[in-house]
C-alpha atoms as a PDB file:
ATOM      1  CA  UNK A   1     109.927 124.996 104.913  1.00  0.00           C
ATOM      2  CA  UNK A   2     111.975 121.891 104.124  1.00  0.00           C
ATOM      3  CA  UNK A   3     110.460 118.419 104.026  1.00  0.00           C
ATOM      4  CA  UNK A   4     112.455 115.206 103.788  1.00  0.00           C
ATOM      5  CA  UNK A   5     110.149 112.571 102.336  1.00  0.00           C
ATOM      6  CA  UNK A   6     110.826 108.867 102.314  1.00  0.00           C
ATOM      7  CA  UNK A   7     109.016 107.239  99.407  1.00  0.00           C
ATOM      8  CA  UNK A   8     109.824 103.628 100.107  1.00  0.00           C
ATOM      9  CA  UNK A   9     107.114 102.015  98.009  1.00  0.00           C
ATOM     10  CA  UNK A  10     106.401 104.664  95.349  1.00  0.00           C
ATOM     11  CA  UNK A  11     108.083 102.605  92.657  1.00  0.00           C
ATOM     12  CA  UNK A  12     105.284 100.018  92.881  1.00  0.00           C
ATOM     13  CA  UNK A  13     102.863 102.614  91.532  1.00  0.00           C
ATOM     14  CA  UNK A  14     104.609 102.772  88.169  1.00  0.00           C
ATOM     15  CA  UNK A  15     105.295 106.495  88.280  1.00  0.00           C
ATOM     16  CA  UNK A  16     106.820 109.093  90.518  1.00  0.00           C
ATOM     17  CA  UNK A  17     103.836 110.913  91.950  1.00  0.00           C
ATOM     18  CA  UNK A  18     104.154 114.672  91.891  1.00  0.00           C
ATOM     19  CA  UNK A  19     103.899 116.245  95.284  1.00  0.00           C
ATOM     20  CA  UNK A  20     101.003 118.511  96.176  1.00  0.00           C
ATOM     21  CA  UNK A  21     103.537 120.799  97.804  1.00  0.00           C
ATOM     22  CA  UNK A  22     105.253 121.606  94.498  1.00  0.00           C
ATOM     23  CA  UNK A  23     102.998 124.610  93.872  1.00  0.00           C
ATOM     24  CA  UNK A  24     103.855 126.078  97.261  1.00  0.00           C
ATOM     25  CA  UNK A  25     107.109 127.486  98.554  1.00  0.00           C
ATOM     26  CA  UNK A  26     108.121 124.230 100.190  1.00  0.00           C
ATOM     27  CA  UNK A  27     111.416 122.515  99.460  1.00  0.00           C
ATOM     28  CA  UNK A  28     111.091 118.744  99.215  1.00  0.00           C
ATOM     29  CA  UNK A  29     113.954 116.258  99.263  1.00  0.00           C
ATOM     30  CA  UNK A  30     112.827 112.818  98.107  1.00  0.00           C
ATOM     31  CA  UNK A  31     114.689 109.710  99.210  1.00  0.00           C
ATOM     32  CA  UNK A  32     114.081 106.131  98.123  1.00  0.00           C
ATOM     33  CA  UNK A  33     115.822 102.950  99.163  1.00  0.00           C
ATOM     34  CA  UNK A  34     116.121  99.833  97.054  1.00  0.00           C
ATOM     35  CA  UNK A  35     115.829  97.645 100.142  1.00  0.00           C
ATOM     36  CA  UNK A  36     112.063  98.262 100.103  1.00  0.00           C
ATOM     37  CA  UNK A  37     111.365  97.795  96.391  1.00  0.00           C
ATOM     38  CA  UNK A  38     114.028  95.431  94.972  1.00  0.00           C
ATOM     39  CA  UNK A  39     115.636  93.414  97.772  1.00  0.00           C
ATOM     40  CA  UNK A  40     116.008  93.862 101.552  1.00  0.00           C
ATOM     41  CA  UNK A  41     119.738  93.170 101.272  1.00  0.00           C
ATOM     42  CA  UNK A  42     120.367  96.167  99.016  1.00  0.00           C
ATOM     43  CA  UNK A  43     121.100  98.845 101.574  1.00  0.00           C
ATOM     44  CA  UNK A  44     121.504 101.585  99.003  1.00  0.00           C
ATOM     45  CA  UNK A  45     119.316 104.646  98.657  1.00  0.00           C
ATOM     46  CA  UNK A  46     118.974 107.470  96.197  1.00  0.00           C
ATOM     47  CA  UNK A  47     118.117 111.046  97.006  1.00  0.00           C
ATOM     48  CA  UNK A  48     116.723 113.721  94.726  1.00  0.00           C
ATOM     49  CA  UNK A  49     117.411 117.252  95.880  1.00  0.00           C
ATOM     50  CA  UNK A  50     115.252 119.992  94.353  1.00  0.00           C
ATOM     51  CA  UNK A  51     118.287 122.104  93.403  1.00  0.00           C
ATOM     52  CA  UNK A  52     122.010 122.481  93.938  1.00  0.00           C
ATOM     53  CA  UNK A  53     121.259 124.974  96.706  1.00  0.00           C
ATOM     54  CA  UNK A  54     121.752 123.347 100.053  1.00  0.00           C
ATOM     55  CA  UNK A  55     123.564 120.363  98.547  1.00  0.00           C
ATOM     56  CA  UNK A  56     126.742 121.002 100.536  1.00  0.00           C
ATOM     57  CA  UNK A  57     124.835 121.362 103.803  1.00  0.00           C
ATOM     58  CA  UNK A  58     122.875 118.206 103.093  1.00  0.00           C
ATOM     59  CA  UNK A  59     126.021 116.216 102.258  1.00  0.00           C
ATOM     60  CA  UNK A  60     127.695 117.423 105.472  1.00  0.00           C
ATOM     61  CA  UNK A  61     124.685 116.284 107.484  1.00  0.00           C
ATOM     62  CA  UNK A  62     124.688 112.946 105.660  1.00  0.00           C
ATOM     63  CA  UNK A  63     128.401 112.437 106.326  1.00  0.00           C
ATOM     64  CA  UNK A  64     127.788 113.000 110.032  1.00  0.00           C
ATOM     65  CA  UNK A  65     125.630 109.853 109.948  1.00  0.00           C
ATOM     66  CA  UNK A  66     127.611 107.755 107.491  1.00  0.00           C
ATOM     67  CA  UNK A  67     130.966 108.303 105.860  1.00  0.00           C
ATOM     68  CA  UNK A  68     130.067 106.492 102.653  1.00  0.00           C
ATOM     69  CA  UNK A  69     127.581 104.111 101.144  1.00  0.00           C
ATOM     70  CA  UNK A  70     128.473 100.393 101.176  1.00  0.00           C
ATOM     71  CA  UNK A  71     130.719 100.056  98.095  1.00  0.00           C
ATOM     72  CA  UNK A  72     129.732  96.513  97.090  1.00  0.00           C
ATOM     73  CA  UNK A  73     125.973  97.128  97.355  1.00  0.00           C
ATOM     74  CA  UNK A  74     126.273 100.496  95.602  1.00  0.00           C
ATOM     75  CA  UNK A  75     128.312  98.964  92.781  1.00  0.00           C
ATOM     76  CA  UNK A  76     125.851  96.090  92.375  1.00  0.00           C
ATOM     77  CA  UNK A  77     122.835  98.412  92.373  1.00  0.00           C
ATOM     78  CA  UNK A  78     124.448 100.749  89.858  1.00  0.00           C
ATOM     79  CA  UNK A  79     125.255  97.830  87.545  1.00  0.00           C
ATOM     80  CA  UNK A  80     121.702  96.474  87.861  1.00  0.00           C
ATOM     81  CA  UNK A  81     120.261  99.879  86.976  1.00  0.00           C
ATOM     82  CA  UNK A  82     122.579 100.288  83.986  1.00  0.00           C
ATOM     83  CA  UNK A  83     122.129  96.783  82.529  1.00  0.00           C
ATOM     84  CA  UNK A  84     118.363  96.590  83.144  1.00  0.00           C
ATOM     85  CA  UNK A  85     118.437  93.881  85.814  1.00  0.00           C
ATOM     86  CA  UNK A  86     116.794  96.198  88.364  1.00  0.00           C
ATOM     87  CA  UNK A  87     113.917  96.870  85.951  1.00  0.00           C
ATOM     88  CA  UNK A  88     113.450  93.141  85.314  1.00  0.00           C
ATOM     89  CA  UNK A  89     113.458  92.319  89.031  1.00  0.00           C
ATOM     90  CA  UNK A  90     111.020  95.149  89.711  1.00  0.00           C
ATOM     91  CA  UNK A  91     108.699  93.984  86.913  1.00  0.00           C
ATOM     92  CA  UNK A  92     108.579  90.533  88.510  1.00  0.00           C
ATOM     93  CA  UNK A  93     107.886  92.006  91.945  1.00  0.00           C
ATOM     94  CA  UNK A  94     105.120  94.226  90.538  1.00  0.00           C
ATOM     95  CA  UNK A  95     103.508  91.238  88.810  1.00  0.00           C
ATOM     96  CA  UNK A  96     103.616  89.146  91.982  1.00  0.00           C
ATOM     97  CA  UNK A  97     102.293  92.093  93.994  1.00  0.00           C
ATOM     98  CA  UNK A  98      99.312  92.493  91.629  1.00  0.00           C
ATOM     99  CA  UNK A  99      98.563  88.759  91.876  1.00  0.00           C
ATOM    100  CA  UNK A 100      98.702  88.875  95.668  1.00  0.00           C
ATOM    101  CA  UNK A 101      96.490  91.969  95.805  1.00  0.00           C
ATOM    102  CA  UNK A 102      93.957  90.264  93.546  1.00  0.00           C
ATOM    103  CA  UNK A 103      93.962  87.120  95.710  1.00  0.00           C
ATOM    104  CA  UNK A 104      93.589  89.202  98.865  1.00  0.00           C
ATOM    105  CA  UNK A 105      90.703  91.261  97.509  1.00  0.00           C
ATOM    106  CA  UNK A 106      88.894  88.087  96.396  1.00  0.00           C
ATOM    107  CA  UNK A 107      89.235  86.480  99.819  1.00  0.00           C
ATOM    108  CA  UNK A 108      88.549  89.555 101.954  1.00  0.00           C
ATOM    109  CA  UNK A 109      86.013  91.565  99.918  1.00  0.00           C
ATOM    110  CA  UNK A 110      82.986  89.631 101.255  1.00  0.00           C
ATOM    111  CA  UNK A 111      84.042  90.546 104.812  1.00  0.00           C
ATOM    112  CA  UNK A 112      84.250  94.299 104.384  1.00  0.00           C
ATOM    113  CA  UNK A 113      85.742  96.898 102.089  1.00  0.00           C
ATOM    114  CA  UNK A 114      89.407  96.682 101.242  1.00  0.00           C
ATOM    115  CA  UNK A 115      91.651  99.311  99.735  1.00  0.00           C
ATOM    116  CA  UNK A 116      94.796  98.481  97.855  1.00  0.00           C
ATOM    117  CA  UNK A 117      97.609 100.887  97.166  1.00  0.00           C
ATOM    118  CA  UNK A 118      99.370  99.034  94.383  1.00  0.00           C
ATOM    119  CA  UNK A 119     102.163  97.986  96.737  1.00  0.00           C
ATOM    120  CA  UNK A 120     102.631  95.005  99.011  1.00  0.00           C
ATOM    121  CA  UNK A 121     100.196  96.165 101.678  1.00  0.00           C
ATOM    122  CA  UNK A 122      96.451  96.576 101.759  1.00  0.00           C
ATOM    123  CA  UNK A 123      94.049  98.281 104.108  1.00  0.00           C
ATOM    124  CA  UNK A 124      91.090  96.272 105.281  1.00  0.00           C
ATOM    125  CA  UNK A 125      88.087  98.095 106.694  1.00  0.00           C
ATOM    126  CA  UNK A 126      86.684  96.217 109.646  1.00  0.00           C
ATOM    127  CA  UNK A 127      83.112  95.133 110.260  1.00  0.00           C
ATOM    128  CA  UNK A 128      81.263  97.250 112.831  1.00  0.00           C
ATOM    129  CA  UNK A 129      81.571  94.565 115.513  1.00  0.00           C
ATOM    130  CA  UNK A 130      85.372  94.804 115.551  1.00  0.00           C
ATOM    131  CA  UNK A 131      87.461  97.643 116.931  1.00  0.00           C
ATOM    132  CA  UNK A 132      90.846  98.081 115.232  1.00  0.00           C
ATOM    133  CA  UNK A 133      93.067  96.867 118.091  1.00  0.00           C
ATOM    134  CA  UNK A 134      90.965  93.790 118.944  1.00  0.00           C
ATOM    135  CA  UNK A 135      91.325  92.006 115.575  1.00  0.00           C
ATOM    136  CA  UNK A 136      95.079  92.641 115.542  1.00  0.00           C
ATOM    137  CA  UNK A 137      95.359  91.000 118.963  1.00  0.00           C
ATOM    138  CA  UNK A 138      92.951  88.181 118.052  1.00  0.00           C
ATOM    139  CA  UNK A 139      94.829  87.579 114.778  1.00  0.00           C
ATOM    140  CA  UNK A 140      98.115  87.336 116.678  1.00  0.00           C
ATOM    141  CA  UNK A 141      96.642  84.587 118.848  1.00  0.00           C
ATOM    142  CA  UNK A 142      95.737  82.749 115.613  1.00  0.00           C
ATOM    143  CA  UNK A 143      99.321  83.035 114.336  1.00  0.00           C
ATOM    144  CA  UNK A 144      98.594  85.977 112.012  1.00  0.00           C
ATOM    145  CA  UNK A 145     100.169  89.406 112.240  1.00  0.00           C
ATOM    146  CA  UNK A 146      98.285  92.496 111.074  1.00  0.00           C
ATOM    147  CA  UNK A 147      98.765  96.099 112.116  1.00  0.00           C
ATOM    148  CA  UNK A 148      95.979  98.241 113.548  1.00  0.00           C
ATOM    149  CA  UNK A 149      95.400 101.627 111.909  1.00  0.00           C
ATOM    150  CA  UNK A 150      96.360 103.271 115.204  1.00  0.00           C
ATOM    151  CA  UNK A 151      99.981 102.258 114.532  1.00  0.00           C
ATOM    152  CA  UNK A 152      99.996 104.625 111.537  1.00  0.00           C
ATOM    153  CA  UNK A 153      97.849 107.495 112.828  1.00  0.00           C
ATOM    154  CA  UNK A 154      98.582 110.313 115.188  1.00  0.00           C
ATOM    155  CA  UNK A 155      95.698 112.006 116.855  1.00  0.00           C
ATOM    156  CA  UNK A 156      92.068 111.202 117.312  1.00  0.00           C
ATOM    157  CA  UNK A 157      90.335 110.155 114.093  1.00  0.00           C
ATOM    158  CA  UNK A 158      91.675 106.634 113.572  1.00  0.00           C
ATOM    159  CA  UNK A 159      89.856 104.551 110.946  1.00  0.00           C
ATOM    160  CA  UNK A 160      88.474 101.181 112.000  1.00  0.00           C
ATOM    161  CA  UNK A 161      90.877  99.245 109.780  1.00  0.00           C
ATOM    162  CA  UNK A 162      93.943  97.044 109.742  1.00  0.00           C
ATOM    163  CA  UNK A 163      96.940  96.997 107.421  1.00  0.00           C
ATOM    164  CA  UNK A 164      97.860  93.641 105.962  1.00  0.00           C
ATOM    165  CA  UNK A 165     101.296  92.862 104.551  1.00  0.00           C
ATOM    166  CA  UNK A 166     101.017  90.681 101.475  1.00  0.00           C
ATOM    167  CA  UNK A 167     104.752  90.128 101.122  1.00  0.00           C
ATOM    168  CA  UNK A 168     105.519  88.137 104.265  1.00  0.00           C
ATOM    169  CA  UNK A 169     104.494  84.700 102.983  1.00  0.00           C
ATOM    170  CA  UNK A 170     106.945  83.008 100.643  1.00  0.00           C
ATOM    171  CA  UNK A 171     104.289  81.258  98.564  1.00  0.00           C
ATOM    172  CA  UNK A 172     100.990  82.663  97.339  1.00  0.00           C
ATOM    173  CA  UNK A 173      99.193  79.540  98.607  1.00  0.00           C
ATOM    174  CA  UNK A 174     100.414  80.322 102.158  1.00  0.00           C
ATOM    175  CA  UNK A 175      99.123  83.875 101.789  1.00  0.00           C
ATOM    176  CA  UNK A 176      95.707  82.709 100.570  1.00  0.00           C
ATOM    177  CA  UNK A 177      95.443  80.284 103.489  1.00  0.00           C
ATOM    178  CA  UNK A 178      96.356  83.023 105.991  1.00  0.00           C
ATOM    179  CA  UNK A 179      93.875  85.445 104.389  1.00  0.00           C
ATOM    180  CA  UNK A 180      91.081  82.855 104.636  1.00  0.00           C
ATOM    181  CA  UNK A 181      91.912  82.407 108.307  1.00  0.00           C
ATOM    182  CA  UNK A 182      91.764  86.199 108.766  1.00  0.00           C
ATOM    183  CA  UNK A 183      88.453  86.445 106.862  1.00  0.00           C
ATOM    184  CA  UNK A 184      86.923  83.778 109.125  1.00  0.00           C
ATOM    185  CA  UNK A 185      88.177  85.659 112.181  1.00  0.00           C
ATOM    186  CA  UNK A 186      86.660  88.950 110.984  1.00  0.00           C
ATOM    187  CA  UNK A 187      83.312  87.374 110.099  1.00  0.00           C
ATOM    188  CA  UNK A 188      82.673  86.114 113.609  1.00  0.00           C
ATOM    189  CA  UNK A 189      81.777  88.314 116.557  1.00  0.00           C
ATOM    190  CA  UNK A 190      84.584  89.027 119.022  1.00  0.00           C
ATOM    191  CA  UNK A 191      84.692  86.700 122.008  1.00  0.00           C
ATOM    192  CA  UNK A 192      85.588  87.647 125.572  1.00  0.00           C
ATOM    193  CA  UNK A 193      89.153  86.451 124.878  1.00  0.00           C
ATOM    194  CA  UNK A 194      89.406  88.849 121.928  1.00  0.00           C
ATOM    195  CA  UNK A 195      88.588  91.774 124.202  1.00  0.00           C
ATOM    196  CA  UNK A 196      91.090  90.939 126.931  1.00  0.00           C
ATOM    197  CA  UNK A 197      93.412  93.774 127.830  1.00  0.00           C
ATOM    198  CA  UNK A 198      96.756  92.714 129.238  1.00  0.00           C
END
């Protein structure tokens, strides 16, 4: 079995997590793009193949999608990796991410449990009186955008939670203000408007 895994945010965790599939006879190809962990404008990605076997077939498939990587972005990224700039930028992003996660957990923890992943998103468990889709819709009407757990789950057992992006606000003060608005929304009982289906 061959699995192609996209690990867009793994670099925020500070290590490359070993896959549980490594003990089995599963071939895993891991791809990571710098547009998710360094800068959205860096459309360059790196791929780790488990062995040289299949490399030619993989490169042929890749060439059918794209003839080559963007030369300027690839050159810039390579230089940043070599001279340490990428590590410095990433360290700053990690620090800011930790600060935002801390601020978010302080604002939202009284509402219900929250779970952070070490990246720029957090999962917020919802109080019993909210169903996952309703707060996402109600938040949108308040000018906030959160994603219901159903957007990330296939099948039946969907947790009553929302995913919050902590990276969308430019300033931390804007984020804190938005999180307070969300906390107030979650603390109140849903109104008839919150339950409207359109």
